Protein backbone atom coordinates (compact mmCIF):
# COMPACT_ATOMS: atom_id res chain seq x y z
CA MET A 1 91.51 155.95 159.21
CA LEU A 2 90.47 159.33 157.68
CA THR A 3 92.36 160.18 154.39
CA PHE A 4 93.33 163.54 153.15
CA GLU A 5 90.55 163.25 150.51
CA ASN A 6 87.93 162.21 153.07
CA ILE A 7 88.66 165.37 155.08
CA ARG A 8 88.74 167.60 151.97
CA SER A 9 85.40 166.33 150.84
CA PHE A 10 83.70 166.71 154.16
CA PRO A 11 81.46 169.86 154.35
CA LYS A 12 83.55 171.91 156.73
CA VAL A 13 83.07 175.12 158.64
CA GLU A 14 85.69 177.67 159.47
CA LEU A 15 85.25 180.45 161.87
CA HIS A 16 88.80 181.92 162.39
CA CYS A 17 90.49 183.03 159.23
CA HIS A 18 92.20 186.47 158.73
CA LEU A 19 91.95 187.99 155.31
CA ASP A 20 95.40 189.54 155.21
CA GLY A 21 97.12 186.37 156.42
CA SER A 22 95.46 184.07 154.06
CA ILE A 23 95.93 185.56 150.41
CA ARG A 24 97.79 183.15 148.05
CA PRO A 25 101.17 184.68 147.02
CA GLU A 26 100.21 184.40 143.27
CA THR A 27 97.07 186.48 144.06
CA LEU A 28 99.07 189.08 145.92
CA GLN A 29 101.25 189.49 142.71
CA LYS A 30 97.96 190.02 140.71
CA ILE A 31 96.67 192.50 143.24
CA ALA A 32 99.88 194.39 143.02
CA LYS A 33 99.76 194.48 139.26
CA ALA A 34 96.14 195.61 139.19
CA GLN A 35 97.20 198.60 141.23
CA ASN A 36 100.51 199.24 139.38
CA MET A 37 102.44 198.50 142.38
CA SER A 38 105.82 196.77 142.48
CA ILE A 39 106.32 193.42 143.74
CA ALA A 40 108.78 190.63 143.29
CA ASP A 41 108.35 188.59 140.12
CA ASP A 42 109.72 185.51 141.84
CA LEU A 43 106.73 183.77 143.54
CA GLU A 44 109.11 182.21 146.12
CA ILE A 45 110.37 185.50 147.37
CA VAL A 46 106.80 186.73 147.77
CA LYS A 47 105.92 183.56 149.59
CA GLN A 48 108.84 183.88 151.83
CA ASN A 49 107.78 187.37 152.85
CA MET A 50 104.17 186.30 153.49
CA GLN A 51 104.89 183.17 155.63
CA ALA A 52 105.97 182.99 159.19
CA PRO A 53 109.75 182.71 159.55
CA LYS A 54 111.03 179.22 160.11
CA ASP A 55 112.78 180.41 163.28
CA CYS A 56 109.56 182.10 164.55
CA GLN A 57 109.71 182.38 168.32
CA HIS A 58 106.55 184.18 169.29
CA LEU A 59 103.46 185.98 168.09
CA GLU A 60 105.27 189.21 167.21
CA ASP A 61 107.55 187.25 164.75
CA TYR A 62 104.53 185.50 163.50
CA LEU A 63 102.75 188.80 162.61
CA ALA A 64 105.67 190.19 160.53
CA GLY A 65 104.14 188.78 157.29
CA PHE A 66 101.18 191.09 157.70
CA ILE A 67 103.35 194.17 157.38
CA TYR A 68 104.44 192.94 153.92
CA VAL A 69 100.82 192.38 152.77
CA LEU A 70 99.01 195.46 154.06
CA PRO A 71 100.35 198.04 151.52
CA TYR A 72 98.52 196.12 148.81
CA LEU A 73 95.15 196.16 150.72
CA GLN A 74 94.54 200.00 150.64
CA THR A 75 92.16 200.05 147.72
CA SER A 76 88.78 198.57 146.96
CA ILE A 77 90.16 196.43 144.16
CA GLY A 78 92.84 195.00 146.42
CA LEU A 79 90.43 194.16 149.19
CA GLU A 80 87.88 192.76 146.75
CA MET A 81 90.44 190.49 144.92
CA ALA A 82 91.83 189.35 148.35
CA ALA A 83 88.39 188.38 149.59
CA PHE A 84 87.45 186.46 146.43
CA ASP A 85 90.79 184.62 146.61
CA VAL A 86 90.15 183.47 150.29
CA MET A 87 86.66 182.30 149.34
CA GLU A 88 88.01 180.41 146.42
CA GLN A 89 90.43 178.68 148.59
CA ALA A 90 87.82 177.78 150.88
CA PHE A 91 85.82 176.18 148.24
CA LEU A 92 88.80 174.24 147.05
CA ASP A 93 89.30 173.17 150.74
CA GLY A 94 85.78 171.68 150.94
CA ILE A 95 84.53 174.46 153.20
CA VAL A 96 80.78 175.35 152.86
CA TYR A 97 80.81 178.19 155.36
CA ILE A 98 83.49 180.56 156.48
CA GLU A 99 83.75 183.74 158.53
CA ILE A 100 86.56 185.99 157.28
CA ARG A 101 87.93 188.60 159.67
CA PHE A 102 89.73 191.71 158.81
CA ALA A 103 90.63 195.18 160.30
CA PRO A 104 89.24 198.03 158.32
CA SER A 105 91.42 200.51 160.23
CA LEU A 106 94.41 198.93 158.61
CA SER A 107 93.31 199.63 155.04
CA LEU A 108 92.68 203.37 155.23
CA GLU A 109 96.13 204.75 154.14
CA LYS A 110 95.11 205.70 150.54
CA GLY A 111 91.77 207.38 151.49
CA LEU A 112 89.27 204.60 151.75
CA SER A 113 86.62 205.12 154.40
CA VAL A 114 85.67 202.30 156.77
CA PRO A 115 82.44 201.60 155.01
CA GLU A 116 84.28 201.18 151.65
CA THR A 117 86.73 198.72 153.03
CA ILE A 118 83.82 196.58 154.25
CA GLN A 119 81.92 196.91 151.09
CA ALA A 120 84.99 195.79 149.04
CA VAL A 121 85.42 192.80 151.10
CA ALA A 122 81.69 191.91 150.94
CA LYS A 123 81.80 192.36 147.12
CA GLY A 124 84.66 189.93 146.80
CA ILE A 125 82.86 187.34 148.97
CA ALA A 126 79.63 187.73 147.11
CA GLN A 127 81.40 187.29 143.71
CA ALA A 128 82.78 184.00 144.99
CA GLU A 129 79.42 182.86 146.27
CA GLU A 130 77.95 183.38 142.80
CA LYS A 131 80.69 181.06 141.33
CA TYR A 132 81.15 178.53 144.06
CA PRO A 133 78.95 176.57 146.50
CA VAL A 134 80.41 178.29 149.52
CA LYS A 135 78.98 181.03 151.85
CA GLY A 136 81.00 183.70 153.59
CA ASN A 137 80.34 186.41 156.11
CA ILE A 138 82.66 189.12 157.63
CA LEU A 139 84.11 189.69 161.28
CA ILE A 140 85.32 193.27 161.98
CA SER A 141 88.53 193.09 163.94
CA GLY A 142 89.75 195.96 166.22
CA MET A 143 93.43 196.13 167.11
CA ARG A 144 94.47 195.93 170.66
CA ASP A 145 97.15 198.64 170.25
CA GLN A 146 94.65 201.30 169.04
CA GLU A 147 93.40 204.16 171.36
CA GLN A 148 90.05 203.22 172.94
CA GLU A 149 88.17 206.07 171.43
CA TYR A 150 89.55 205.35 167.91
CA LEU A 151 88.72 201.65 168.44
CA LYS A 152 85.19 202.45 169.44
CA ASP A 153 84.74 204.84 166.44
CA ILE A 154 85.94 201.92 164.10
CA PHE A 155 83.52 199.43 165.56
CA PHE A 156 80.54 201.89 165.37
CA GLU A 157 81.37 203.04 161.95
CA SER A 158 81.72 199.53 160.80
CA LEU A 159 78.47 198.42 162.40
CA ASN A 160 76.58 201.43 161.00
CA THR A 161 77.64 200.25 157.46
CA VAL A 162 74.61 198.88 155.63
CA GLU A 163 76.19 195.35 154.99
CA THR A 164 74.42 192.22 156.05
CA LYS A 165 77.57 190.11 155.69
CA VAL A 166 79.02 191.75 158.84
CA VAL A 167 78.02 189.41 161.60
CA GLY A 168 80.41 190.01 164.48
CA ILE A 169 83.41 191.91 165.96
CA ASP A 170 86.77 190.72 167.08
CA LEU A 171 89.81 191.97 168.97
CA ALA A 172 93.11 191.12 167.46
CA GLY A 173 96.82 191.87 167.45
CA ALA A 174 99.77 191.12 169.81
CA GLU A 175 98.34 190.00 173.15
CA LYS A 176 99.69 190.77 176.65
CA ASP A 177 98.49 189.45 179.93
CA ASN A 178 95.35 191.07 181.13
CA SER A 179 94.97 193.07 177.78
CA VAL A 180 91.37 192.35 177.42
CA SER A 181 90.54 194.40 180.57
CA ASN A 182 92.24 197.37 178.91
CA VAL A 183 89.50 197.67 176.31
CA ALA A 184 86.51 196.22 178.35
CA GLU A 185 84.62 199.49 178.27
CA VAL A 186 84.76 199.78 174.46
CA ILE A 187 83.65 196.19 173.96
CA GLN A 188 80.86 196.57 176.46
CA VAL A 189 79.60 199.83 174.91
CA THR A 190 79.75 198.34 171.45
CA THR A 191 77.89 195.17 172.26
CA ASP A 192 75.36 196.92 174.44
CA GLN A 193 74.50 199.46 171.79
CA THR A 194 74.58 197.28 168.66
CA ASP A 195 73.50 193.79 169.65
CA ILE A 196 76.35 192.41 167.57
CA SER A 197 77.98 188.94 168.20
CA LEU A 198 81.31 188.82 169.79
CA THR A 199 84.34 186.72 169.38
CA LEU A 200 87.78 187.75 170.96
CA HIS A 201 91.35 186.58 170.51
CA ALA A 202 92.37 185.44 174.05
CA GLY A 203 94.90 183.05 175.41
CA GLU A 204 96.65 182.92 172.03
CA CYS A 205 99.80 183.77 173.84
CA GLY A 206 98.78 185.80 176.84
CA CYS A 207 97.25 184.68 180.09
CA VAL A 208 94.17 182.66 180.90
CA GLN A 209 92.70 185.63 182.56
CA ASN A 210 92.18 187.21 179.07
CA ILE A 211 89.92 184.18 178.33
CA LYS A 212 87.83 184.69 181.42
CA ASP A 213 87.55 188.45 180.89
CA SER A 214 86.42 187.78 177.27
CA VAL A 215 83.63 185.47 178.41
CA THR A 216 82.59 187.82 181.15
CA LEU A 217 82.26 190.63 178.44
CA GLY A 218 80.01 188.35 176.55
CA ALA A 219 82.20 186.66 173.97
CA THR A 220 80.55 183.43 172.81
CA ARG A 221 83.69 182.34 171.02
CA ILE A 222 87.34 182.55 171.95
CA GLY A 223 90.12 182.90 169.28
CA HIS A 224 92.86 180.24 170.11
CA GLY A 225 92.40 179.76 173.86
CA ILE A 226 95.60 177.62 173.89
CA ALA A 227 96.77 179.20 177.17
CA LEU A 228 94.19 176.95 178.83
CA LEU A 229 96.59 174.02 178.20
CA GLY A 230 97.48 172.39 181.48
CA ASP A 231 95.19 174.63 183.56
CA GLU A 232 92.63 172.15 184.83
CA GLU A 233 90.76 174.59 186.93
CA SER A 234 90.27 177.02 184.07
CA GLN A 235 89.28 174.28 181.75
CA GLU A 236 86.60 173.16 184.25
CA TRP A 237 85.36 176.78 184.45
CA LEU A 238 85.09 177.18 180.74
CA SER A 239 83.49 173.90 180.17
CA GLU A 240 80.48 175.15 182.08
CA LYS A 241 80.04 178.28 179.84
CA ASP A 242 78.19 178.41 176.58
CA VAL A 243 81.48 179.31 174.67
CA CYS A 244 83.29 177.77 171.72
CA ILE A 245 87.07 177.94 171.35
CA GLU A 246 88.27 178.67 167.75
CA GLY A 247 91.28 176.36 167.83
CA CYS A 248 94.14 176.91 165.42
CA PRO A 249 96.84 174.11 165.90
CA THR A 250 99.42 174.96 163.31
CA SER A 251 99.35 178.58 164.28
CA ASN A 252 99.94 177.66 167.83
CA VAL A 253 103.08 175.63 166.77
CA ASP A 254 104.28 178.68 164.69
CA THR A 255 103.97 180.94 167.76
CA ARG A 256 105.69 178.33 170.04
CA MET A 257 102.67 177.86 172.30
CA ILE A 258 102.93 174.08 171.62
CA LYS A 259 106.02 172.27 170.31
CA ASN A 260 104.21 170.27 167.73
CA ILE A 261 100.67 169.15 166.58
CA SER A 262 101.00 166.08 168.91
CA GLU A 263 100.68 168.47 171.85
CA TYR A 264 97.48 169.95 170.66
CA PRO A 265 94.84 169.08 173.50
CA LEU A 266 92.37 167.43 171.13
CA HIS A 267 91.46 164.61 173.44
CA ALA A 268 91.97 166.44 176.74
CA TRP A 269 89.60 169.23 175.72
CA LEU A 270 86.97 166.73 174.36
CA GLU A 271 87.18 164.78 177.66
CA LYS A 272 86.84 167.89 179.66
CA GLY A 273 83.76 168.89 177.84
CA LEU A 274 85.11 171.90 176.24
CA THR A 275 83.49 173.05 173.06
CA PHE A 276 85.90 173.88 170.24
CA CYS A 277 86.37 173.82 166.44
CA ILE A 278 89.44 173.72 164.17
CA ASN A 279 90.51 176.69 162.04
CA THR A 280 93.59 177.86 159.95
CA ASP A 281 94.00 181.25 161.49
CA ASN A 282 96.18 182.44 158.60
CA ARG A 283 96.41 180.07 155.63
CA THR A 284 99.46 181.74 153.97
CA VAL A 285 101.34 182.82 157.03
CA SER A 286 101.04 179.34 158.49
CA ASN A 287 101.32 177.56 155.03
CA THR A 288 98.18 175.40 155.81
CA THR A 289 94.54 174.61 154.81
CA LEU A 290 91.68 173.42 156.96
CA THR A 291 91.99 170.07 155.42
CA ASN A 292 95.58 170.03 156.40
CA GLU A 293 94.75 171.00 159.95
CA TYR A 294 92.39 168.07 160.40
CA TYR A 295 94.81 165.67 158.58
CA GLN A 296 97.64 166.60 160.94
CA LEU A 297 95.30 165.87 163.87
CA VAL A 298 94.60 162.40 162.33
CA ASN A 299 98.21 161.58 161.98
CA HIS A 300 99.44 163.04 165.26
CA CYS A 301 96.42 162.93 167.64
CA GLY A 302 94.31 160.11 166.16
CA LEU A 303 91.35 162.28 165.06
CA THR A 304 88.36 160.10 164.30
CA VAL A 305 85.44 160.50 161.87
CA LYS A 306 83.10 161.05 164.77
CA GLN A 307 85.38 163.79 166.11
CA LEU A 308 85.72 165.38 162.64
CA ARG A 309 81.87 165.64 162.57
CA GLN A 310 81.58 166.88 166.13
CA LEU A 311 84.14 169.67 165.68
CA ASN A 312 82.51 170.97 162.56
CA GLN A 313 79.12 170.74 164.05
CA ASN A 314 80.49 172.79 166.89
CA GLY A 315 81.51 175.28 164.34
CA ALA A 316 78.22 175.35 162.75
CA ASN A 317 76.37 175.62 166.05
CA TYR A 318 78.51 178.70 167.12
CA ALA A 319 78.65 180.42 163.76
CA PHE A 320 77.03 183.82 163.61
CA ILE A 321 74.36 182.71 161.20
CA ASP A 322 70.45 182.20 161.35
CA GLU A 323 68.97 179.13 162.68
CA GLU A 324 67.65 177.78 159.31
CA TYR A 325 71.04 177.81 157.68
CA ARG A 326 72.61 176.36 160.84
CA ALA A 327 70.32 173.43 160.71
CA ASP A 328 71.10 172.95 156.99
CA LEU A 329 74.87 172.90 157.78
CA VAL A 330 74.48 170.36 160.49
CA GLU A 331 72.34 168.20 158.29
CA GLN A 332 74.97 168.23 155.51
CA MET A 333 77.51 166.98 158.00
CA GLU A 334 75.23 164.32 159.50
CA ARG A 335 74.49 163.06 155.89
CA PHE A 336 78.11 162.89 154.73
CA GLU A 337 79.80 159.41 154.83
CA CYS A 338 83.49 159.30 155.09
């Protein structure tokens, strides 16, 4: 059976990790002090404010921790320190490649421009890459509740920023049934005019139709997709598409989409031929690591070494990277002996 250390040592890939949901509480304290902002000295108080409440009932409850964190991410130094921290965590977690997503529009309150937010995050990632053997890229998240014209401006301003670490766009925030169709025009215009890769949150708590609409719009990856659970017809439909689900088991428990990790459809999806990988979503909000996600699947779903390798190779195969680096990642996984 896979041990925790076996999993931690395995060269893993993570494609779904939110910057603002994954900063360590002690780092947030340092970020606050670097900006002369007040924050609780008691680390436990900071942690409680950042993590999902124990009585979390739905996604809106789950997102409350972000409100606490965002005031500290309104400067270049705050974003830079946050990005370095998440990259350092990735290294300690045995991750060799990670895509970190964040919403530039949520860090503009103190006068930063969209390019400046991106450059700050990229700088923090680059600093970690110089120190640790881990590589990171950036996904730009647009928020579902933003006006379409504003959302389009954010995407275009982000993608016109000269930063090679920006590899894709995303749509995030509280999900309602059929909400992807509401922003379909913005997504279509953005992808048509920029040739950027697309991953969309869909089926995190909303309906399966959001997943289908996302694929129709050209998304090659679906964030969460847990709404597929129990929908045999839709699973069959998606299994025939060239799409990878970015699975986030603990987050799905936190938002009450599944009761516990045992209900995560690991074997069902593999048997159906669905392509998916495993991710943390929000390390701090969900109090987890990627190693822990896989270890929970070992203990509750009987995850095997073969499946661990397959899921990470799925991540590598659908990462927004060049083919040479993709081949290198897959080779690292094939060589590794658990």
